Amino acid sequence: MSNLSKLEFTALDISGNNYLPWILDAKIHLTANNLGETIVDGNQTSPQDKAKAMIFLRHHLHEDLKREYLTVEDPLELWTNIKERFDHQKLVLLPKARYEWLHLRLQDFKTVSEYNSALFRITSELKLCGEKITDEDMLEKTFSTFHASNMLM
């Protein structure tokens, strides 16, 4: 919090395209700075902590969003407004992530590393959208996509 001119992570875009990673990053940084309670209903945080949280949140908003929420002074209110505006991104990304998960096959990649990268990107998107993906699911997905000639009995 001491160097406010530097962004700790990418600012929330006016389109909301980076909303899901932004909200995760914002929660983590607020919590790391002992300000996580400022965005929880019924919080009893001090005015100083609320001001610090507002500075932090506003610093990580697109300039147009800053102007739009200029009169909002409470971090919980700002958090709620942003969530109401952009939380639908989950509904937009979820079908795409499910489609990619369904069609993910090891044999479509040149290397295992490329496959793993795609696997973890897709599972991260699914988890951000609220889907439960376990290690067992990822292993089953990988094993089920082996070509028949690579299977040993």
N, C-alpha and C. Protein backbone atom coordinates (compact mmCIF):
# COMPACT_ATOMS: atom_id res chain seq x y z
N MET A 1 0.82 -1.19 0.00
CA MET A 1 0.00 0.00 0.00
C MET A 1 0.87 1.26 0.00
N SER A 2 2.15 1.15 0.32
CA SER A 2 2.97 2.34 0.43
C SER A 2 3.24 2.99 -0.92
N ASN A 3 3.33 2.20 -2.00
CA ASN A 3 3.60 2.76 -3.31
C ASN A 3 2.32 2.70 -4.14
N LEU A 4 1.52 3.74 -4.07
CA LEU A 4 0.23 3.73 -4.75
C LEU A 4 0.34 3.96 -6.25
N SER A 5 1.49 4.41 -6.73
CA SER A 5 1.63 4.66 -8.15
C SER A 5 1.81 3.36 -8.93
N LYS A 6 2.16 2.27 -8.25
CA LYS A 6 2.39 0.99 -8.90
C LYS A 6 1.16 0.09 -8.73
N LEU A 7 0.71 -0.50 -9.82
CA LEU A 7 -0.41 -1.44 -9.75
C LEU A 7 0.11 -2.81 -9.32
N GLU A 8 -0.56 -3.42 -8.35
CA GLU A 8 -0.19 -4.75 -7.91
C GLU A 8 -0.69 -5.81 -8.90
N PHE A 9 -1.74 -5.48 -9.64
CA PHE A 9 -2.31 -6.35 -10.66
C PHE A 9 -3.07 -5.47 -11.64
N THR A 10 -3.52 -6.05 -12.73
CA THR A 10 -4.18 -5.30 -13.78
C THR A 10 -5.47 -4.65 -13.29
N ALA A 11 -5.68 -3.41 -13.65
CA ALA A 11 -6.90 -2.69 -13.27
C ALA A 11 -8.11 -3.33 -13.95
N LEU A 12 -9.26 -3.23 -13.30
CA LEU A 12 -10.50 -3.76 -13.88
C LEU A 12 -10.86 -2.97 -15.12
N ASP A 13 -10.98 -3.67 -16.23
CA ASP A 13 -11.29 -3.05 -17.51
C ASP A 13 -12.74 -2.58 -17.55
N ILE A 14 -13.00 -1.54 -18.31
CA ILE A 14 -14.35 -0.98 -18.43
C ILE A 14 -15.33 -2.02 -18.98
N SER A 15 -14.84 -2.95 -19.80
CA SER A 15 -15.71 -3.99 -20.37
C SER A 15 -15.96 -5.12 -19.39
N GLY A 16 -15.12 -5.23 -18.37
CA GLY A 16 -15.27 -6.32 -17.40
C GLY A 16 -14.67 -7.63 -17.86
N ASN A 17 -13.96 -7.61 -18.98
CA ASN A 17 -13.39 -8.85 -19.51
C ASN A 17 -12.43 -9.54 -18.54
N ASN A 18 -11.78 -8.76 -17.68
CA ASN A 18 -10.85 -9.35 -16.71
C ASN A 18 -11.44 -9.37 -15.30
N TYR A 19 -12.76 -9.36 -15.20
CA TYR A 19 -13.43 -9.30 -13.89
C TYR A 19 -13.09 -10.48 -12.99
N LEU A 20 -13.14 -11.69 -13.48
CA LEU A 20 -12.93 -12.86 -12.62
C LEU A 20 -11.52 -12.89 -12.02
N PRO A 21 -10.47 -12.72 -12.82
CA PRO A 21 -9.15 -12.66 -12.18
C PRO A 21 -8.98 -11.40 -11.32
N TRP A 22 -9.61 -10.30 -11.72
CA TRP A 22 -9.50 -9.05 -10.94
C TRP A 22 -10.10 -9.23 -9.55
N ILE A 23 -11.28 -9.82 -9.47
CA ILE A 23 -11.95 -9.95 -8.17
C ILE A 23 -11.16 -10.88 -7.25
N LEU A 24 -10.55 -11.91 -7.82
CA LEU A 24 -9.72 -12.81 -7.03
C LEU A 24 -8.47 -12.08 -6.53
N ASP A 25 -7.80 -11.36 -7.43
CA ASP A 25 -6.62 -10.59 -7.05
C ASP A 25 -6.94 -9.53 -6.00
N ALA A 26 -8.06 -8.84 -6.19
CA ALA A 26 -8.44 -7.78 -5.25
C ALA A 26 -8.69 -8.37 -3.85
N LYS A 27 -9.40 -9.49 -3.78
CA LYS A 27 -9.65 -10.13 -2.48
C LYS A 27 -8.35 -10.53 -1.80
N ILE A 28 -7.45 -11.12 -2.56
CA ILE A 28 -6.17 -11.57 -2.02
C ILE A 28 -5.37 -10.38 -1.49
N HIS A 29 -5.28 -9.32 -2.26
CA HIS A 29 -4.51 -8.16 -1.84
C HIS A 29 -5.15 -7.44 -0.66
N LEU A 30 -6.46 -7.34 -0.65
CA LEU A 30 -7.12 -6.72 0.50
C LEU A 30 -6.87 -7.54 1.77
N THR A 31 -6.99 -8.85 1.64
CA THR A 31 -6.75 -9.72 2.79
C THR A 31 -5.29 -9.63 3.26
N ALA A 32 -4.36 -9.61 2.33
CA ALA A 32 -2.94 -9.52 2.68
C ALA A 32 -2.63 -8.21 3.40
N ASN A 33 -3.39 -7.19 3.12
CA ASN A 33 -3.19 -5.88 3.76
C ASN A 33 -4.13 -5.68 4.95
N ASN A 34 -4.70 -6.77 5.46
CA ASN A 34 -5.63 -6.72 6.59
C ASN A 34 -6.84 -5.82 6.34
N LEU A 35 -7.30 -5.81 5.08
CA LEU A 35 -8.45 -5.00 4.71
C LEU A 35 -9.59 -5.85 4.15
N GLY A 36 -9.46 -7.17 4.23
CA GLY A 36 -10.46 -8.07 3.66
C GLY A 36 -11.84 -7.90 4.26
N GLU A 37 -11.92 -7.53 5.52
CA GLU A 37 -13.22 -7.36 6.18
C GLU A 37 -14.00 -6.16 5.64
N THR A 38 -13.33 -5.24 4.98
CA THR A 38 -14.00 -4.04 4.48
C THR A 38 -15.02 -4.34 3.38
N ILE A 39 -14.92 -5.51 2.76
CA ILE A 39 -15.85 -5.86 1.67
C ILE A 39 -16.81 -6.96 2.08
N VAL A 40 -16.97 -7.16 3.40
CA VAL A 40 -17.87 -8.18 3.94
C VAL A 40 -19.08 -7.49 4.57
N ASP A 41 -20.27 -8.03 4.31
CA ASP A 41 -21.50 -7.48 4.91
C ASP A 41 -21.39 -7.45 6.43
N GLY A 42 -21.86 -6.36 7.01
CA GLY A 42 -21.90 -6.23 8.46
C GLY A 42 -20.55 -6.01 9.11
N ASN A 43 -19.57 -5.55 8.34
CA ASN A 43 -18.24 -5.35 8.91
C ASN A 43 -18.23 -4.17 9.87
N GLN A 44 -17.33 -4.21 10.82
CA GLN A 44 -17.17 -3.15 11.82
C GLN A 44 -15.77 -2.53 11.70
N THR A 45 -15.31 -2.36 10.47
CA THR A 45 -13.95 -1.85 10.27
C THR A 45 -13.89 -0.35 10.52
N SER A 46 -12.70 0.11 10.82
CA SER A 46 -12.50 1.52 11.14
C SER A 46 -12.60 2.37 9.87
N PRO A 47 -12.90 3.65 10.03
CA PRO A 47 -12.93 4.56 8.88
C PRO A 47 -11.59 4.61 8.14
N GLN A 48 -10.49 4.47 8.87
CA GLN A 48 -9.17 4.48 8.24
C GLN A 48 -8.98 3.27 7.33
N ASP A 49 -9.41 2.08 7.80
CA ASP A 49 -9.30 0.87 6.99
C ASP A 49 -10.21 0.96 5.77
N LYS A 50 -11.39 1.52 5.94
CA LYS A 50 -12.29 1.69 4.80
C LYS A 50 -11.68 2.63 3.78
N ALA A 51 -11.04 3.68 4.24
CA ALA A 51 -10.40 4.63 3.33
C ALA A 51 -9.24 3.97 2.59
N LYS A 52 -8.44 3.17 3.28
CA LYS A 52 -7.34 2.45 2.64
C LYS A 52 -7.87 1.49 1.57
N ALA A 53 -8.94 0.79 1.90
CA ALA A 53 -9.53 -0.15 0.94
C ALA A 53 -10.08 0.58 -0.27
N MET A 54 -10.71 1.73 -0.05
CA MET A 54 -11.23 2.51 -1.18
C MET A 54 -10.09 3.00 -2.08
N ILE A 55 -9.02 3.46 -1.47
CA ILE A 55 -7.87 3.92 -2.26
C ILE A 55 -7.35 2.76 -3.10
N PHE A 56 -7.20 1.61 -2.47
CA PHE A 56 -6.69 0.44 -3.17
C PHE A 56 -7.62 0.03 -4.31
N LEU A 57 -8.92 -0.10 -4.03
CA LEU A 57 -9.87 -0.53 -5.06
C LEU A 57 -9.95 0.47 -6.20
N ARG A 58 -10.06 1.74 -5.87
CA ARG A 58 -10.17 2.76 -6.92
C ARG A 58 -8.90 2.81 -7.78
N HIS A 59 -7.76 2.55 -7.15
CA HIS A 59 -6.49 2.55 -7.88
C HIS A 59 -6.45 1.43 -8.92
N HIS A 60 -7.23 0.38 -8.71
CA HIS A 60 -7.24 -0.77 -9.61
C HIS A 60 -8.50 -0.83 -10.47
N LEU A 61 -9.06 0.34 -10.76
CA LEU A 61 -10.20 0.46 -11.66
C LEU A 61 -9.80 1.25 -12.90
N HIS A 62 -10.42 0.93 -14.01
CA HIS A 62 -10.27 1.72 -15.24
C HIS A 62 -10.72 3.15 -14.96
N GLU A 63 -10.12 4.10 -15.60
CA GLU A 63 -10.43 5.52 -15.35
C GLU A 63 -11.91 5.83 -15.49
N ASP A 64 -12.58 5.24 -16.48
CA ASP A 64 -14.01 5.48 -16.66
C ASP A 64 -14.84 4.90 -15.52
N LEU A 65 -14.42 3.76 -14.99
CA LEU A 65 -15.11 3.18 -13.84
C LEU A 65 -14.91 4.06 -12.60
N LYS A 66 -13.72 4.61 -12.45
CA LYS A 66 -13.46 5.53 -11.33
C LYS A 66 -14.44 6.69 -11.37
N ARG A 67 -14.61 7.27 -12.56
CA ARG A 67 -15.53 8.40 -12.69
C ARG A 67 -16.97 7.98 -12.42
N GLU A 68 -17.33 6.81 -12.89
CA GLU A 68 -18.70 6.33 -12.70
C GLU A 68 -19.04 6.14 -11.22
N TYR A 69 -18.07 5.65 -10.46
CA TYR A 69 -18.30 5.37 -9.04
C TYR A 69 -17.65 6.44 -8.15
N LEU A 70 -17.53 7.62 -8.67
CA LEU A 70 -16.87 8.73 -7.98
C LEU A 70 -17.49 9.06 -6.63
N THR A 71 -18.81 8.95 -6.52
CA THR A 71 -19.49 9.35 -5.28
C THR A 71 -19.58 8.22 -4.25
N VAL A 72 -19.15 7.02 -4.61
CA VAL A 72 -19.19 5.90 -3.68
C VAL A 72 -18.00 6.02 -2.72
N GLU A 73 -18.31 6.03 -1.43
CA GLU A 73 -17.26 6.21 -0.43
C GLU A 73 -17.01 4.98 0.44
N ASP A 74 -17.87 3.97 0.33
CA ASP A 74 -17.73 2.77 1.15
C ASP A 74 -17.22 1.62 0.28
N PRO A 75 -16.17 0.92 0.72
CA PRO A 75 -15.63 -0.17 -0.11
C PRO A 75 -16.63 -1.31 -0.34
N LEU A 76 -17.46 -1.59 0.65
CA LEU A 76 -18.47 -2.64 0.47
C LEU A 76 -19.47 -2.25 -0.60
N GLU A 77 -19.88 -1.01 -0.60
CA GLU A 77 -20.83 -0.53 -1.63
C GLU A 77 -20.19 -0.60 -3.01
N LEU A 78 -18.95 -0.16 -3.12
CA LEU A 78 -18.24 -0.23 -4.40
C LEU A 78 -18.10 -1.68 -4.85
N TRP A 79 -17.70 -2.55 -3.94
CA TRP A 79 -17.54 -3.98 -4.24
C TRP A 79 -18.85 -4.57 -4.73
N THR A 80 -19.94 -4.26 -4.05
CA THR A 80 -21.26 -4.77 -4.42
C THR A 80 -21.69 -4.25 -5.79
N ASN A 81 -21.46 -2.96 -6.05
CA ASN A 81 -21.82 -2.38 -7.34
C ASN A 81 -21.05 -3.03 -8.48
N ILE A 82 -19.77 -3.24 -8.27
CA ILE A 82 -18.95 -3.88 -9.31
C ILE A 82 -19.40 -5.32 -9.52
N LYS A 83 -19.69 -6.00 -8.43
CA LYS A 83 -20.14 -7.40 -8.54
C LYS A 83 -21.47 -7.48 -9.30
N GLU A 84 -22.41 -6.60 -8.98
CA GLU A 84 -23.70 -6.60 -9.69
C GLU A 84 -23.52 -6.31 -11.17
N ARG A 85 -22.56 -5.47 -11.49
CA ARG A 85 -22.35 -5.07 -12.87
C ARG A 85 -21.66 -6.15 -13.69
N PHE A 86 -20.67 -6.85 -13.10
CA PHE A 86 -19.83 -7.73 -13.90
C PHE A 86 -19.93 -9.22 -13.54
N ASP A 87 -20.64 -9.60 -12.51
CA ASP A 87 -20.67 -11.00 -12.09
C ASP A 87 -21.27 -11.91 -13.16
N HIS A 88 -21.99 -11.34 -14.10
CA HIS A 88 -22.55 -12.14 -15.19
C HIS A 88 -21.45 -12.73 -16.07
N GLN A 89 -20.22 -12.24 -15.92
CA GLN A 89 -19.11 -12.77 -16.71
C GLN A 89 -18.96 -14.28 -16.51
N LYS A 90 -19.33 -14.74 -15.32
CA LYS A 90 -19.28 -16.19 -15.06
C LYS A 90 -20.19 -16.93 -16.03
N LEU A 91 -21.37 -16.38 -16.27
CA LEU A 91 -22.32 -17.02 -17.17
C LEU A 91 -21.84 -16.99 -18.61
N VAL A 92 -21.03 -15.99 -18.95
CA VAL A 92 -20.50 -15.88 -20.31
C VAL A 92 -19.34 -16.86 -20.50
N LEU A 93 -18.45 -16.94 -19.51
CA LEU A 93 -17.26 -17.77 -19.64
C LEU A 93 -17.52 -19.26 -19.40
N LEU A 94 -18.49 -19.58 -18.57
CA LEU A 94 -18.73 -20.98 -18.21
C LEU A 94 -19.02 -21.88 -19.41
N PRO A 95 -19.93 -21.53 -20.32
CA PRO A 95 -20.18 -22.42 -21.46
C PRO A 95 -18.93 -22.64 -22.33
N LYS A 96 -18.14 -21.58 -22.51
CA LYS A 96 -16.91 -21.70 -23.30
C LYS A 96 -15.93 -22.64 -22.60
N ALA A 97 -15.76 -22.47 -21.30
CA ALA A 97 -14.84 -23.33 -20.55
C ALA A 97 -15.32 -24.78 -20.54
N ARG A 98 -16.62 -24.98 -20.40
CA ARG A 98 -17.17 -26.35 -20.44
C ARG A 98 -16.93 -27.00 -21.81
N TYR A 99 -17.13 -26.20 -22.87
CA TYR A 99 -16.89 -26.70 -24.22
C TYR A 99 -15.43 -27.11 -24.40
N GLU A 100 -14.53 -26.24 -23.94
CA GLU A 100 -13.11 -26.53 -24.05
C GLU A 100 -12.73 -27.78 -23.24
N TRP A 101 -13.34 -27.92 -22.05
CA TRP A 101 -13.08 -29.09 -21.21
C TRP A 101 -13.56 -30.36 -21.92
N LEU A 102 -14.74 -30.29 -22.49
CA LEU A 102 -15.32 -31.45 -23.16
C LEU A 102 -14.47 -31.89 -24.35
N HIS A 103 -13.88 -30.93 -25.06
CA HIS A 103 -13.12 -31.24 -26.28
C HIS A 103 -11.61 -31.27 -26.07
N LEU A 104 -11.17 -31.22 -24.85
CA LEU A 104 -9.74 -31.27 -24.55
C LEU A 104 -9.23 -32.70 -24.71
N ARG A 105 -8.23 -32.87 -25.57
CA ARG A 105 -7.66 -34.20 -25.81
C ARG A 105 -6.14 -34.09 -25.87
N LEU A 106 -5.49 -34.99 -25.21
CA LEU A 106 -4.04 -34.99 -25.18
C LEU A 106 -3.44 -35.07 -26.58
N GLN A 107 -4.04 -35.88 -27.44
CA GLN A 107 -3.48 -36.08 -28.77
C GLN A 107 -3.56 -34.84 -29.65
N ASP A 108 -4.28 -33.82 -29.24
CA ASP A 108 -4.37 -32.59 -30.02
C ASP A 108 -3.20 -31.64 -29.75
N PHE A 109 -2.29 -32.02 -28.87
CA PHE A 109 -1.16 -31.17 -28.50
C PHE A 109 0.15 -31.83 -28.88
N LYS A 110 1.14 -31.01 -29.23
CA LYS A 110 2.44 -31.54 -29.62
C LYS A 110 3.22 -32.07 -28.43
N THR A 111 3.05 -31.41 -27.28
CA THR A 111 3.79 -31.83 -26.10
C THR A 111 2.85 -31.96 -24.90
N VAL A 112 3.30 -32.71 -23.92
CA VAL A 112 2.54 -32.86 -22.69
C VAL A 112 2.48 -31.52 -21.97
N SER A 113 3.53 -30.75 -22.07
CA SER A 113 3.58 -29.44 -21.43
C SER A 113 2.48 -28.52 -21.98
N GLU A 114 2.29 -28.53 -23.29
CA GLU A 114 1.22 -27.71 -23.90
C GLU A 114 -0.16 -28.18 -23.42
N TYR A 115 -0.32 -29.50 -23.35
CA TYR A 115 -1.59 -30.06 -22.87
C TYR A 115 -1.84 -29.64 -21.42
N ASN A 116 -0.81 -29.77 -20.57
CA ASN A 116 -0.95 -29.40 -19.16
C ASN A 116 -1.31 -27.92 -19.01
N SER A 117 -0.68 -27.09 -19.82
CA SER A 117 -0.97 -25.66 -19.78
C SER A 117 -2.44 -25.40 -20.10
N ALA A 118 -2.94 -26.04 -21.15
CA ALA A 118 -4.35 -25.88 -21.53
C ALA A 118 -5.26 -26.46 -20.45
N LEU A 119 -4.89 -27.62 -19.91
CA LEU A 119 -5.70 -28.26 -18.87
C LEU A 119 -5.85 -27.35 -17.65
N PHE A 120 -4.74 -26.79 -17.19
CA PHE A 120 -4.80 -25.94 -15.99
C PHE A 120 -5.48 -24.61 -16.27
N ARG A 121 -5.34 -24.08 -17.49
CA ARG A 121 -6.04 -22.83 -17.84
C ARG A 121 -7.55 -23.06 -17.82
N ILE A 122 -7.98 -24.16 -18.42
CA ILE A 122 -9.42 -24.47 -18.48
C ILE A 122 -9.97 -24.76 -17.09
N THR A 123 -9.25 -25.54 -16.30
CA THR A 123 -9.74 -25.85 -14.95
C THR A 123 -9.79 -24.59 -14.09
N SER A 124 -8.84 -23.70 -14.27
CA SER A 124 -8.87 -22.43 -13.53
C SER A 124 -10.10 -21.62 -13.90
N GLU A 125 -10.42 -21.56 -15.18
CA GLU A 125 -11.62 -20.83 -15.62
C GLU A 125 -12.88 -21.48 -15.04
N LEU A 126 -12.93 -22.79 -15.07
CA LEU A 126 -14.10 -23.49 -14.51
C LEU A 126 -14.23 -23.22 -13.02
N LYS A 127 -13.12 -23.26 -12.29
CA LYS A 127 -13.15 -22.99 -10.85
C LYS A 127 -13.56 -21.55 -10.56
N LEU A 128 -13.06 -20.59 -11.35
CA LEU A 128 -13.47 -19.19 -11.17
C LEU A 128 -14.97 -19.01 -11.40
N CYS A 129 -15.53 -19.87 -12.23
CA CYS A 129 -16.97 -19.80 -12.51
C CYS A 129 -17.79 -20.60 -11.50
N GLY A 130 -17.13 -21.20 -10.52
CA GLY A 130 -17.84 -21.92 -9.47
C GLY A 130 -17.96 -23.41 -9.67
N GLU A 131 -17.37 -23.95 -10.71
CA GLU A 131 -17.41 -25.39 -10.95
C GLU A 131 -16.40 -26.08 -10.04
N LYS A 132 -16.72 -27.29 -9.63
CA LYS A 132 -15.83 -28.09 -8.80
C LYS A 132 -15.05 -29.05 -9.69
N ILE A 133 -13.76 -28.84 -9.80
CA ILE A 133 -12.89 -29.72 -10.57
C ILE A 133 -11.82 -30.24 -9.62
N THR A 134 -11.74 -31.56 -9.49
CA THR A 134 -10.78 -32.17 -8.58
C THR A 134 -9.58 -32.69 -9.36
N ASP A 135 -8.55 -33.07 -8.62
CA ASP A 135 -7.38 -33.69 -9.26
C ASP A 135 -7.80 -34.99 -9.96
N GLU A 136 -8.75 -35.70 -9.34
CA GLU A 136 -9.23 -36.93 -9.95
C GLU A 136 -9.91 -36.65 -11.29
N ASP A 137 -10.65 -35.55 -11.37
CA ASP A 137 -11.29 -35.17 -12.63
C ASP A 137 -10.24 -34.90 -13.70
N MET A 138 -9.18 -34.21 -13.32
CA MET A 138 -8.12 -33.89 -14.29
C MET A 138 -7.38 -35.16 -14.74
N LEU A 139 -7.12 -36.07 -13.81
CA LEU A 139 -6.48 -37.32 -14.18
C LEU A 139 -7.37 -38.15 -15.10
N GLU A 140 -8.65 -38.24 -14.74
CA GLU A 140 -9.60 -38.98 -15.58
C GLU A 140 -9.69 -38.37 -16.97
N LYS A 141 -9.70 -37.07 -17.04
CA LYS A 141 -9.75 -36.39 -18.33
C LYS A 141 -8.52 -36.75 -19.16
N THR A 142 -7.37 -36.71 -18.53
CA THR A 142 -6.12 -37.02 -19.24
C THR A 142 -6.11 -38.47 -19.70
N PHE A 143 -6.42 -39.40 -18.80
CA PHE A 143 -6.38 -40.82 -19.15
C PHE A 143 -7.42 -41.17 -20.21
N SER A 144 -8.56 -40.55 -20.14
CA SER A 144 -9.64 -40.86 -21.10
C SER A 144 -9.35 -40.34 -22.49
N THR A 145 -8.37 -39.45 -22.62
CA THR A 145 -8.07 -38.89 -23.94
C THR A 145 -6.87 -39.53 -24.59
N PHE A 146 -6.25 -40.52 -23.91
CA PHE A 146 -5.13 -41.24 -24.54
C PHE A 146 -5.65 -41.96 -25.79
N HIS A 147 -4.85 -41.97 -26.79
CA HIS A 147 -5.19 -42.73 -27.98
C HIS A 147 -5.12 -44.22 -27.64
N ALA A 148 -5.99 -45.01 -28.23
CA ALA A 148 -6.09 -46.45 -27.91
C ALA A 148 -4.76 -47.17 -28.09
N SER A 149 -3.95 -46.76 -29.04
CA SER A 149 -2.68 -47.43 -29.27
C SER A 149 -1.66 -47.16 -28.16
N ASN A 150 -1.93 -46.17 -27.31
CA ASN A 150 -1.02 -45.85 -26.21
C ASN A 150 -1.44 -46.50 -24.89
N MET A 151 -2.53 -47.25 -24.91
CA MET A 151 -3.04 -47.89 -23.70
C MET A 151 -2.43 -49.26 -23.54
N LEU A 152 -2.03 -49.58 -22.32
CA LEU A 152 -1.53 -50.92 -21.99
C LEU A 152 -2.54 -51.62 -21.11
N MET A 153 -2.72 -52.88 -21.32
CA MET A 153 -3.63 -53.65 -20.49
C MET A 153 -2.89 -54.33 -19.40
